[in-house]
C-alpha cells in the first residue's frame, strides 16, 4: 500500500521566510523521481527550482502560480511506492521506499524519517478575506495531526489558508521560522532573553526590526503598554489591536504594482541604506584614453577577451588594498567597524526582473581574465533568474557601472550593509587638456559614495584619486601586481 508523504516548502536559507510560486514543473498524477525539481519559486533573493526529496506519484499540489507561501507550508503530496494507474511504467522514480535524497536544500531531506509536521495556528482573517480551512487540498486537523485532504486528479489543490498578522501576507506559526533577517536583531533579543516569536515586526511582511526589539525591551523594563488603538511595532499584537488593512484598489487613472519579490527586496534595502547610513559622495573626472588602449592591446594579444568591467574591478581591488577602511561594515549594535580581509565584489546588474547585485567571491585574488569570466557567468544567471541566494549576498564592496545606460554621473546608494560603492559613468570623447594642449580624450566620471562612519574625506578622496590615477595611467597598477 502506498504511503502518502507531504513535502513542504523548505528553508531556502539566508533568513528567507516565504517564496512565491512562479511555475509548477509537475502535474497531479505525474511520477517524480527523488530530487526531481517540482516547482520554481521566487524569493526575495532569486529564482529557485525546488527538488522533491521523495519519489512516487504526485497526488496534490498546494497553491496556484503567483501564490506566496511561508516556509513550512505544504507544496505537494507524493504517494511513495505507488505506480501510476495509466501504466506509464518505470519513469525513473526508482526505489522510493527507504532510500533518501539527503539534504538537497537547507533544512530538509529524506535520509531520516519525515519529521513531525508543524502545527499552524490560524488566526481569524481580516474582514474581506476568504481564507478557510475547508478548501480542496488544504490541510485539516485529523485526530490531532495535520493531513492533506485529497484533491481531484486533474484539479490543482488550493493553497493553504493564509491569515493576516497585522502586516498582511503570512501565517503566524507556533514553531515556524521567525521573520528576522538581521543577526544583530537575533543577538540583541537573545542577550536580553526576549522571545522573538512574541513580537510582530514593523518591517515589510512583518519583518522584525531592531527598533521593534528595542521598544519591546523598553516596554518590558518600564511597564509601558501600547494603546490598543495604536499598537507600537515590536509588542505582541492582539486581534483587537490589528491596524486596518489599507485598500489596494486602484483609483481611476492609477496603476498599482506590488512591491514584492526581487523588486520589493531592493526597495527595502535601499530605504534601509538611506535610513541607517550617513553617506557622502565625492566624484572626479578621469581621462580613460590609456585604459581603453590597454584593453585593446590585451584583446589583440589573443586569448579570452577582457571586459572593461573586469579592468575596473581589478583597479577597485588594488585601491581597497591601499584603503582597507572602505572594505568594511558597521556593527551598530556593538558600535564597532568590522573590516574584511577578503574583497567580495558586488556589481549592479539590471535584469527584466529588476536590479540585482551578484557577488564575485575573492575578487582580490582574481586576474582580469578570471574576473571577466565570473562577471559573464553571474550576469547570465541574473538574466535567467537562476542566481542562488549565496551568489546575491555577502558582498563587501560594490561596483556600479551605470554608464551602460548612457549617463555620465550619479550619487550611488550604498548596498547595505556595505560601507562604499564606486559608480562609473559612460566613457565619451570630450575636450581635455593633455600634455599642456587641448585634445579630444575619452573621459569618464567616477563617483564614490561612502559611509562617513568608517572614514573621513581624506581616505575617501585618496581611494577615488588612486582609482582615477589607475584609469588614466594603467601602468600604476604594476606597482601592486
Protein backbone atom coordinates (compact mmCIF):
# COMPACT_ATOMS: atom_id res chain seq x y z
CA UNK A 1 0.00 0.00 0.00
CA UNK A 2 1.34 3.39 -0.95
CA UNK A 3 2.38 5.82 1.75
CA UNK A 4 1.37 9.44 1.15
CA UNK A 5 4.09 11.89 2.18
CA UNK A 6 3.71 15.63 2.37
CA UNK A 7 6.55 17.78 1.04
CA UNK A 8 6.67 21.28 2.49
CA UNK A 9 8.38 24.43 1.25
CA UNK A 10 11.89 24.03 2.68
CA UNK A 11 14.07 26.62 4.35
CA UNK A 12 15.88 28.22 1.42
CA UNK A 13 18.49 29.85 3.64
CA UNK A 14 19.65 33.48 4.10
CA UNK A 15 16.81 34.24 6.53
CA UNK A 16 14.12 33.85 3.85
CA UNK A 17 10.68 33.14 5.29
CA UNK A 18 8.48 32.88 2.20
CA UNK A 19 8.52 32.35 -1.55
CA UNK A 20 6.16 32.91 -4.47
CA UNK A 21 5.19 30.06 -6.76
CA UNK A 22 6.28 31.04 -10.27
CA UNK A 23 5.77 27.84 -12.23
CA UNK A 24 4.75 24.28 -11.45
CA UNK A 25 7.02 21.70 -13.07
CA UNK A 26 4.75 18.71 -12.36
CA UNK A 27 1.04 17.92 -12.59
CA UNK A 28 -1.17 15.88 -10.28
CA UNK A 29 -0.75 12.27 -11.36
CA UNK A 30 2.84 12.68 -12.60
CA UNK A 31 5.53 10.28 -11.45
CA UNK A 32 8.51 12.06 -9.90
CA UNK A 33 11.96 10.77 -9.04
CA UNK A 34 13.89 11.54 -5.87
CA UNK A 35 15.41 15.06 -6.05
CA UNK A 36 13.45 15.94 -9.20
CA UNK A 37 12.54 19.69 -9.33
CA UNK A 38 8.79 20.04 -8.89
CA UNK A 39 8.25 23.80 -8.65
CA UNK A 40 10.01 27.04 -9.46
CA UNK A 41 9.70 29.69 -6.77
CA UNK A 42 10.85 33.28 -6.45
CA UNK A 43 12.24 34.51 -3.17
CA UNK A 44 13.39 37.99 -2.26
CA UNK A 45 16.81 36.87 -3.49
CA UNK A 46 16.40 34.82 -6.65
CA UNK A 47 14.50 32.20 -8.65
CA UNK A 48 14.97 28.70 -7.24
CA UNK A 49 13.92 25.29 -8.55
CA UNK A 50 12.84 23.21 -5.55
CA UNK A 51 13.55 19.46 -5.76
CA UNK A 52 11.31 16.96 -4.00
CA UNK A 53 13.10 14.52 -1.69
CA UNK A 54 10.51 11.79 -2.33
CA UNK A 55 9.88 9.61 -5.35
CA UNK A 56 6.41 8.49 -6.35
CA UNK A 57 3.11 9.77 -7.76
CA UNK A 58 2.04 13.38 -7.17
CA UNK A 59 -1.39 13.31 -5.53
CA UNK A 60 -1.91 17.01 -4.75
CA UNK A 61 -0.40 20.43 -5.30
CA UNK A 62 -0.90 23.30 -2.89
CA UNK A 63 -1.07 26.84 -4.24
CA UNK A 64 -1.58 28.31 -7.67
CA UNK A 65 1.10 30.13 -9.63
CA UNK A 66 1.52 33.58 -8.14
CA UNK A 67 0.67 32.42 -4.60
CA UNK A 68 3.08 33.32 -1.79
CA UNK A 69 3.72 30.53 0.70
CA UNK A 70 5.60 30.68 4.01
CA UNK A 71 8.45 28.30 4.73
CA UNK A 72 6.94 25.11 6.12
CA UNK A 73 3.70 25.32 4.15
CA UNK A 74 2.74 22.22 2.11
CA UNK A 75 3.85 22.18 -1.54
CA UNK A 76 2.80 18.73 -2.79
CA UNK A 77 1.86 15.28 -1.54
CA UNK A 78 3.50 12.20 -3.03
CA UNK A 79 2.27 8.62 -2.90
CA UNK A 80 5.50 6.72 -2.31
CA UNK A 81 5.69 3.19 -3.70
CA UNK A 82 2.62 3.64 -5.94
CA UNK A 83 2.75 3.04 -9.68
CA UNK A 84 0.72 5.29 -11.99
CA UNK A 85 -2.69 3.86 -12.86
CA UNK A 86 -2.26 4.79 -16.52
CA UNK A 87 0.52 2.24 -16.92
CA UNK A 88 3.21 4.79 -17.54
CA UNK A 89 5.72 2.24 -16.28
CA UNK A 90 9.08 2.94 -14.73
CA UNK A 91 9.95 6.58 -15.30
CA UNK A 92 12.96 6.75 -13.06
CA UNK A 93 11.27 7.08 -9.70
CA UNK A 94 13.30 4.06 -8.64
CA UNK A 95 13.17 2.72 -5.14
CA UNK A 96 11.08 5.24 -3.28
CA UNK A 97 10.61 3.34 -0.07
CA UNK A 98 13.68 3.52 2.13
CA UNK A 99 16.31 5.50 0.29
CA UNK A 100 16.50 9.24 0.79
CA UNK A 101 17.89 12.14 -1.09
CA UNK A 102 19.89 13.72 1.70
CA UNK A 103 19.69 17.44 2.46
CA UNK A 104 19.50 18.77 -1.09
CA UNK A 105 18.39 22.18 0.22
CA UNK A 106 18.71 23.78 3.61
CA UNK A 107 16.63 22.16 6.28
CA UNK A 108 15.15 19.05 4.71
CA UNK A 109 15.95 15.70 3.22
CA UNK A 110 14.82 12.09 3.35
CA UNK A 111 17.80 10.43 4.98
CA UNK A 112 15.71 10.16 8.13
CA UNK A 113 12.06 9.54 8.84
CA UNK A 114 9.89 12.55 7.98
CA UNK A 115 9.83 14.99 10.87
CA UNK A 116 6.59 15.68 12.66
CA UNK A 117 4.63 18.24 10.75
CA UNK A 118 4.45 21.74 12.13
CA UNK A 119 1.20 22.82 13.69
CA UNK A 120 -0.14 26.06 12.31
CA UNK A 121 -2.21 28.39 14.40
CA UNK A 122 -4.58 30.13 12.01
CA UNK A 123 -5.94 33.45 13.14
CA UNK A 124 -9.26 34.86 12.11
CA UNK A 125 -8.92 36.51 8.67
CA UNK A 126 -9.23 40.27 8.48
CA UNK A 127 -12.62 41.35 7.17
CA UNK A 128 -12.81 40.97 3.44
CA UNK A 129 -10.60 37.88 3.16
CA UNK A 130 -11.96 34.44 2.43
CA UNK A 131 -9.28 32.13 3.78
CA UNK A 132 -10.84 28.93 5.05
CA UNK A 133 -9.59 25.53 6.01
CA UNK A 134 -12.21 23.68 4.01
CA UNK A 135 -10.79 24.27 0.53
CA UNK A 136 -9.85 21.35 -1.65
CA UNK A 137 -6.43 20.03 -0.72
CA UNK A 138 -5.98 22.39 2.23
CA UNK A 139 -4.51 20.68 5.28
CA UNK A 140 -7.04 19.96 8.02
CA UNK A 141 -6.77 18.55 11.51
CA UNK A 142 -7.46 14.83 11.70
CA UNK A 143 -7.07 13.02 15.03
CA UNK A 144 -4.87 15.78 16.36
CA UNK A 145 -2.45 15.93 13.43
CA UNK A 146 -2.27 17.67 10.09
CA UNK A 147 -3.24 15.77 6.97
CA UNK A 148 -3.71 16.80 3.36
CA UNK A 149 -7.22 16.45 2.01
CA UNK A 150 -7.45 14.52 -1.28
CA UNK A 151 -7.63 16.53 -4.48
CA UNK A 152 -9.29 15.62 -7.80
CA UNK A 153 -6.96 14.01 -10.29
CA UNK A 154 -6.97 16.94 -12.70
CA UNK A 155 -7.67 19.79 -10.30
CA UNK A 156 -4.93 21.84 -8.73
CA UNK A 157 -5.22 21.98 -4.97
CA UNK A 158 -5.83 25.37 -3.49
CA UNK A 159 -3.11 26.95 -1.34
CA UNK A 160 -3.17 26.76 2.40
CA UNK A 161 -5.40 29.24 4.15
CA UNK A 162 -3.48 32.41 4.95
CA UNK A 163 -4.21 34.88 7.65
CA UNK A 164 -3.16 38.43 8.13
CA UNK A 165 -0.79 39.06 11.01
CA UNK A 166 -1.14 42.78 11.02
CA UNK A 167 1.23 43.33 8.10
CA UNK A 168 -0.51 41.20 5.50
CA UNK A 169 0.53 38.03 3.79
CA UNK A 170 1.85 35.32 6.05
CA UNK A 171 0.97 32.76 8.69
CA UNK A 172 1.53 33.13 12.39
CA UNK A 173 3.32 29.90 13.28
CA UNK A 174 3.97 28.50 16.71
CA UNK A 175 7.24 26.82 15.78
CA UNK A 176 7.92 28.06 12.26
CA UNK A 177 10.74 30.39 11.19
CA UNK A 178 10.81 33.80 12.80
CA UNK A 179 10.74 36.64 10.25
CA UNK A 180 14.12 38.08 11.20
CA UNK A 181 16.93 38.71 8.70
CA UNK A 182 19.47 40.64 10.76
CA UNK A 183 21.73 38.53 13.01
CA UNK A 184 22.17 41.65 15.14
CA UNK A 185 18.45 41.63 15.93
CA UNK A 186 18.60 37.96 16.90
CA UNK A 187 21.62 38.56 19.12
CA UNK A 188 20.03 41.56 20.83
CA UNK A 189 16.92 39.52 21.63
CA UNK A 190 18.93 36.52 22.78
CA UNK A 191 21.15 38.58 25.10
CA UNK A 192 18.08 40.09 26.76
CA UNK A 193 16.05 36.90 26.97
CA UNK A 194 13.36 38.17 24.58
CA UNK A 195 11.28 35.65 22.63
CA UNK A 196 11.06 36.94 19.06
CA UNK A 197 8.01 34.77 18.41
CA UNK A 198 6.03 37.02 20.73
CA UNK A 199 6.70 40.12 18.61
CA UNK A 200 5.05 41.47 15.49
CA UNK A 201 7.52 43.28 13.28
CA UNK A 202 7.01 46.68 11.71
CA UNK A 203 9.02 45.83 8.59
CA UNK A 204 7.71 44.55 5.27
CA UNK A 205 5.57 41.42 5.67
CA UNK A 206 6.00 41.54 9.43
CA UNK A 207 9.81 41.58 9.38
CA UNK A 208 11.13 42.16 12.89
CA UNK A 209 13.50 45.12 13.01
CA UNK A 210 15.96 46.28 15.63
CA UNK A 211 13.60 49.14 16.61
CA UNK A 212 10.88 46.58 17.38
CA UNK A 213 13.15 44.67 19.76
CA UNK A 214 14.42 47.82 21.46
CA UNK A 215 10.89 49.10 22.04
CA UNK A 216 9.78 45.75 23.45
CA UNK A 217 12.74 45.76 25.84
CA UNK A 218 11.97 49.30 26.98
CA UNK A 219 8.32 48.41 27.44
CA UNK A 220 9.22 45.33 29.49
CA UNK A 221 11.63 47.29 31.68
CA UNK A 222 9.42 50.35 32.21
CA UNK A 223 5.99 48.74 32.22
CA UNK A 224 4.96 50.63 29.09
CA UNK A 225 1.80 49.39 27.42
CA UNK A 226 0.86 50.44 23.93
CA UNK A 227 -2.59 51.82 23.33
CA UNK A 228 -4.88 49.24 21.70
CA UNK A 229 -5.81 51.82 19.09
CA UNK A 230 -2.17 52.50 18.19
CA UNK A 231 -0.05 49.45 18.95
CA UNK A 232 3.68 50.02 18.69
CA UNK A 233 5.69 47.74 16.41
CA UNK A 234 7.55 45.14 18.41
CA UNK A 235 4.84 44.48 21.00
CA UNK A 236 2.69 41.37 20.76
CA UNK A 237 -0.41 42.41 18.88
CA UNK A 238 -3.87 41.16 19.81
CA UNK A 239 -6.66 40.68 17.34
CA UNK A 240 -8.37 43.81 18.69
CA UNK A 241 -5.28 45.95 18.07
CA UNK A 242 -4.65 44.98 14.44
CA UNK A 243 -4.47 48.02 12.21
CA UNK A 244 -6.89 48.18 9.31
CA UNK A 245 -5.61 46.78 6.05
CA UNK A 246 -5.16 49.54 3.51
CA UNK A 247 -7.16 49.12 0.36
CA UNK A 248 -5.10 48.29 -2.73
CA UNK A 249 -7.89 49.07 -5.17
CA UNK A 250 -6.57 51.39 -7.85
CA UNK A 251 -8.35 54.70 -8.30
CA UNK A 252 -9.25 55.83 -11.82
CA UNK A 253 -6.06 56.64 -13.69
CA UNK A 254 -3.84 54.67 -11.27
CA UNK A 255 -1.78 51.57 -11.94
CA UNK A 256 -0.60 49.78 -8.81
CA UNK A 257 2.35 47.36 -8.86
CA UNK A 258 3.03 45.29 -5.73
CA UNK A 259 6.48 45.76 -4.22
CA UNK A 260 7.36 42.10 -3.74
CA UNK A 261 9.95 39.57 -4.76
CA UNK A 262 13.23 40.98 -6.06
CA UNK A 263 11.82 44.48 -6.59
CA UNK A 264 10.41 44.59 -3.07
CA UNK A 265 13.67 43.35 -1.55
CA UNK A 266 15.64 46.02 -3.43
CA UNK A 267 13.22 48.73 -2.32
CA UNK A 268 13.55 47.67 1.31
CA UNK A 269 17.33 47.54 1.12
CA UNK A 270 17.66 50.95 -0.50
CA UNK A 271 15.30 52.51 2.04
CA UNK A 272 17.23 50.93 4.89
CA UNK A 273 20.51 52.22 3.47
CA UNK A 274 19.22 55.79 3.35
CA UNK A 275 17.74 55.43 6.83
CA UNK A 276 20.77 54.00 8.62
CA UNK A 277 23.91 55.08 6.76
CA UNK A 278 25.25 58.65 6.93
CA UNK A 279 26.59 58.62 3.40
CA UNK A 280 28.58 61.18 1.45
CA UNK A 281 29.57 61.29 -2.21
CA UNK A 282 32.67 62.61 -3.96
CA UNK A 283 33.45 62.42 -7.65
CA UNK A 284 36.16 63.16 -10.19
CA UNK A 285 36.54 63.19 -13.98
CA UNK A 286 39.30 60.99 -15.38
CA UNK A 287 40.93 60.55 -18.79
CA UNK A 288 40.28 56.90 -19.67
CA UNK A 289 42.03 57.02 -23.05
CA UNK A 290 45.04 54.97 -21.91
CA UNK A 291 42.83 52.41 -20.15
CA UNK A 292 40.87 51.86 -23.35
CA UNK A 293 44.11 51.47 -25.29
CA UNK A 294 45.43 48.96 -22.75
CA UNK A 295 42.26 46.89 -23.08
CA UNK A 296 42.51 46.94 -26.87
CA UNK A 297 46.13 45.74 -26.64
CA UNK A 298 45.18 42.94 -24.23
CA UNK A 299 42.42 41.67 -26.52
CA UNK A 300 44.65 41.89 -29.58
CA UNK A 301 47.20 39.61 -27.91
CA UNK A 302 44.87 36.60 -28.19
CA UNK A 303 43.05 34.53 -25.61
CA UNK A 304 39.72 35.31 -23.95
CA UNK A 305 38.54 38.88 -24.31
CA UNK A 306 38.91 41.14 -21.28
CA UNK A 307 35.91 43.24 -20.32
CA UNK A 308 36.12 46.85 -19.23
CA UNK A 309 34.23 45.96 -16.05
CA UNK A 310 36.93 43.43 -15.18
CA UNK A 311 39.65 46.08 -15.52
CA UNK A 312 37.67 48.47 -13.32
CA UNK A 313 37.19 45.68 -10.79
CA UNK A 314 40.92 44.99 -10.78
CA UNK A 315 41.52 48.68 -10.10
CA UNK A 316 38.96 48.61 -7.27
CA UNK A 317 40.61 45.68 -5.51
CA UNK A 318 44.01 47.35 -5.76
CA UNK A 319 42.57 50.57 -4.33
CA UNK A 320 40.91 48.67 -1.46
CA UNK A 321 44.26 47.10 -0.61
CA UNK A 322 45.61 50.62 -0.11
CA UNK A 323 42.48 51.96 1.62
CA UNK A 324 41.00 48.96 3.50
CA UNK A 325 38.74 51.20 5.58
CA UNK A 326 36.24 51.11 2.72
CA UNK A 327 36.11 47.31 2.64
CA UNK A 328 34.13 47.13 5.86
CA UNK A 329 30.77 47.38 7.57
CA UNK A 330 29.46 48.96 10.76
CA UNK A 331 28.13 46.85 13.62
CA UNK A 332 25.81 49.49 15.02
CA UNK A 333 24.79 47.37 18.00
CA UNK A 334 28.37 46.85 19.17
CA UNK A 335 29.45 50.30 17.90
CA UNK A 336 32.32 48.72 16.01
CA UNK A 337 33.71 48.92 12.48
CA UNK A 338 34.25 45.45 11.04
CA UNK A 339 36.99 45.36 8.41
CA UNK A 340 37.31 42.43 5.96
CA UNK A 341 40.48 40.82 4.64
CA UNK A 342 38.79 39.44 1.51
CA UNK A 343 37.10 41.53 -1.16
CA UNK A 344 33.78 40.05 -2.23
CA UNK A 345 32.89 42.43 -5.03
CA UNK A 346 29.24 43.07 -5.85
CA UNK A 347 28.26 44.59 -9.18
CA UNK A 348 24.91 46.04 -10.17
CA UNK A 349 23.15 44.22 -13.00
CA UNK A 350 19.83 45.30 -14.50
CA UNK A 351 17.52 42.42 -15.46
CA UNK A 352 13.92 42.07 -16.58
CA UNK A 353 13.06 41.10 -13.02
CA UNK A 354 14.70 44.18 -11.55
CA UNK A 355 18.08 45.26 -10.21
CA UNK A 356 20.24 42.51 -8.76
CA UNK A 357 23.72 42.69 -7.26
CA UNK A 358 25.61 39.40 -7.78
CA UNK A 359 28.81 38.96 -5.79
CA UNK A 360 32.21 37.86 -7.13
CA UNK A 361 33.87 35.96 -4.31
CA UNK A 362 37.53 36.69 -3.55
CA UNK A 363 37.77 39.28 -6.30
CA UNK A 364 41.10 40.45 -4.90
CA UNK A 365 42.65 37.07 -5.79
CA UNK A 366 41.43 37.04 -9.42
CA UNK A 367 43.12 38.37 -12.53
CA UNK A 368 41.33 40.28 -15.30
CA UNK A 369 40.60 37.09 -17.27
CA UNK A 370 39.05 35.33 -14.28
CA UNK A 371 37.03 38.42 -13.37
CA UNK A 372 35.71 38.68 -16.93
CA UNK A 373 34.54 35.06 -16.89
CA UNK A 374 32.87 35.37 -13.50
CA UNK A 375 31.11 38.62 -14.42
CA UNK A 376 29.76 36.97 -17.57
CA UNK A 377 28.56 33.89 -15.67
CA UNK A 378 26.80 35.83 -12.93
CA UNK A 379 25.26 38.31 -15.38
CA UNK A 380 23.76 35.50 -17.43
CA UNK A 381 22.46 33.81 -14.29
CA UNK A 382 20.87 37.12 -13.29
CA UNK A 383 19.12 37.45 -16.64
CA UNK A 384 17.75 33.92 -16.48
CA UNK A 385 16.78 34.21 -12.82
CA UNK A 386 19.00 31.34 -11.69
CA UNK A 387 21.20 33.21 -9.22
CA UNK A 388 21.34 31.45 -5.87
CA UNK A 389 20.87 33.30 -2.57
CA UNK A 390 24.56 32.72 -1.81
CA UNK A 391 25.52 34.48 -5.07
CA UNK A 392 23.49 37.55 -4.09
CA UNK A 393 24.75 38.04 -0.55
CA UNK A 394 27.98 38.55 1.35
CA UNK A 395 29.41 41.43 -0.68
CA UNK A 396 31.91 43.80 0.97
CA UNK A 397 32.11 46.48 -1.75
CA UNK A 398 30.02 47.23 -4.85
CA UNK A 399 30.96 48.45 -8.33
CA UNK A 400 28.13 50.10 -10.28
CA UNK A 401 28.67 50.73 -13.99
CA UNK A 402 25.67 52.92 -14.77
CA UNK A 403 27.43 54.26 -17.85
CA UNK A 404 25.77 51.47 -19.82
CA UNK A 405 22.55 53.50 -19.51
CA UNK A 406 24.16 56.44 -21.28
CA UNK A 407 24.51 58.68 -18.22
CA UNK A 408 27.61 60.48 -17.00
CA UNK A 409 27.17 60.64 -13.24
CA UNK A 410 25.12 59.58 -10.26
CA UNK A 411 25.11 59.52 -6.46
CA UNK A 412 25.02 55.77 -5.77
CA UNK A 413 23.08 54.45 -2.78
CA UNK A 414 25.28 52.17 -0.69
CA UNK A 415 24.38 48.49 -0.83
CA UNK A 416 23.57 47.98 2.86
CA UNK A 417 25.37 46.78 4.99
CA UNK A 418 28.49 47.62 2.99
CA UNK A 419 30.41 50.85 3.53
CA UNK A 420 31.01 52.13 0.00
CA UNK A 421 30.11 51.91 -3.68
CA UNK A 422 32.03 53.11 -6.75
CA UNK A 423 29.92 54.40 -9.63
CA UNK A 424 31.25 54.62 -13.18
CA UNK A 425 29.62 56.77 -15.85
CA UNK A 426 29.84 56.46 -19.62
CA UNK A 427 33.18 56.93 -21.36
CA UNK A 428 32.76 59.59 -24.07
CA UNK A 429 35.03 61.84 -26.16
CA UNK A 430 35.41 65.26 -24.52
CA UNK A 431 37.77 68.24 -24.76
CA UNK A 432 40.63 67.64 -22.33
CA UNK A 433 43.95 69.30 -21.60
CA UNK A 434 46.55 66.62 -22.34
CA UNK A 435 50.28 67.35 -22.00
CA UNK A 436 49.60 71.08 -21.98
CA UNK A 437 47.43 71.10 -25.10
CA UNK A 438 43.72 70.87 -25.73
CA UNK A 439 42.79 67.48 -27.16
CA UNK A 440 39.81 65.16 -27.54
CA UNK A 441 40.14 62.38 -24.99
CA UNK A 442 37.96 59.54 -23.65
CA UNK A 443 36.63 60.93 -20.36
CA UNK A 444 34.72 59.17 -17.58
CA UNK A 445 33.19 60.44 -14.33
CA UNK A 446 33.86 58.34 -11.22
CA UNK A 447 31.65 58.68 -8.11
CA UNK A 448 32.30 57.24 -4.68
CA UNK A 449 29.55 57.08 -2.06
CA UNK A 450 30.89 56.07 1.34
CA UNK A 451 29.72 55.60 4.91
CA UNK A 452 31.14 58.57 6.80
CA UNK A 453 31.31 56.47 9.96
CA UNK A 454 34.08 54.25 8.61
CA UNK A 455 36.36 57.01 7.36
CA UNK A 456 36.74 60.73 6.73
CA UNK A 457 37.01 62.56 3.44
CA UNK A 458 40.77 62.09 3.29
CA UNK A 459 40.50 58.32 2.96
CA UNK A 460 37.58 58.52 0.52
CA UNK A 461 39.37 61.12 -1.57
CA UNK A 462 42.59 59.11 -1.54
CA UNK A 463 40.75 56.00 -2.72
CA UNK A 464 38.99 57.83 -5.53
CA UNK A 465 42.15 59.62 -6.62
CA UNK A 466 44.03 56.32 -6.79
CA UNK A 467 41.27 54.79 -8.90
CA UNK A 468 41.39 57.80 -11.24
CA UNK A 469 45.19 57.57 -11.50
CA UNK A 470 44.95 53.90 -12.49
CA UNK A 471 42.29 54.73 -15.09
CA UNK A 472 44.49 57.47 -16.56
CA UNK A 473 47.74 55.52 -16.27
CA UNK A 474 47.11 51.75 -16.08
CA UNK A 475 50.84 51.20 -15.51
CA UNK A 476 50.24 52.43 -11.92
CA UNK A 477 48.69 49.02 -11.27
CA UNK A 478 52.02 47.32 -11.92
CA UNK A 479 53.23 48.57 -8.55
CA UNK A 480 50.68 46.34 -6.82
CA UNK A 481 50.98 43.23 -9.01
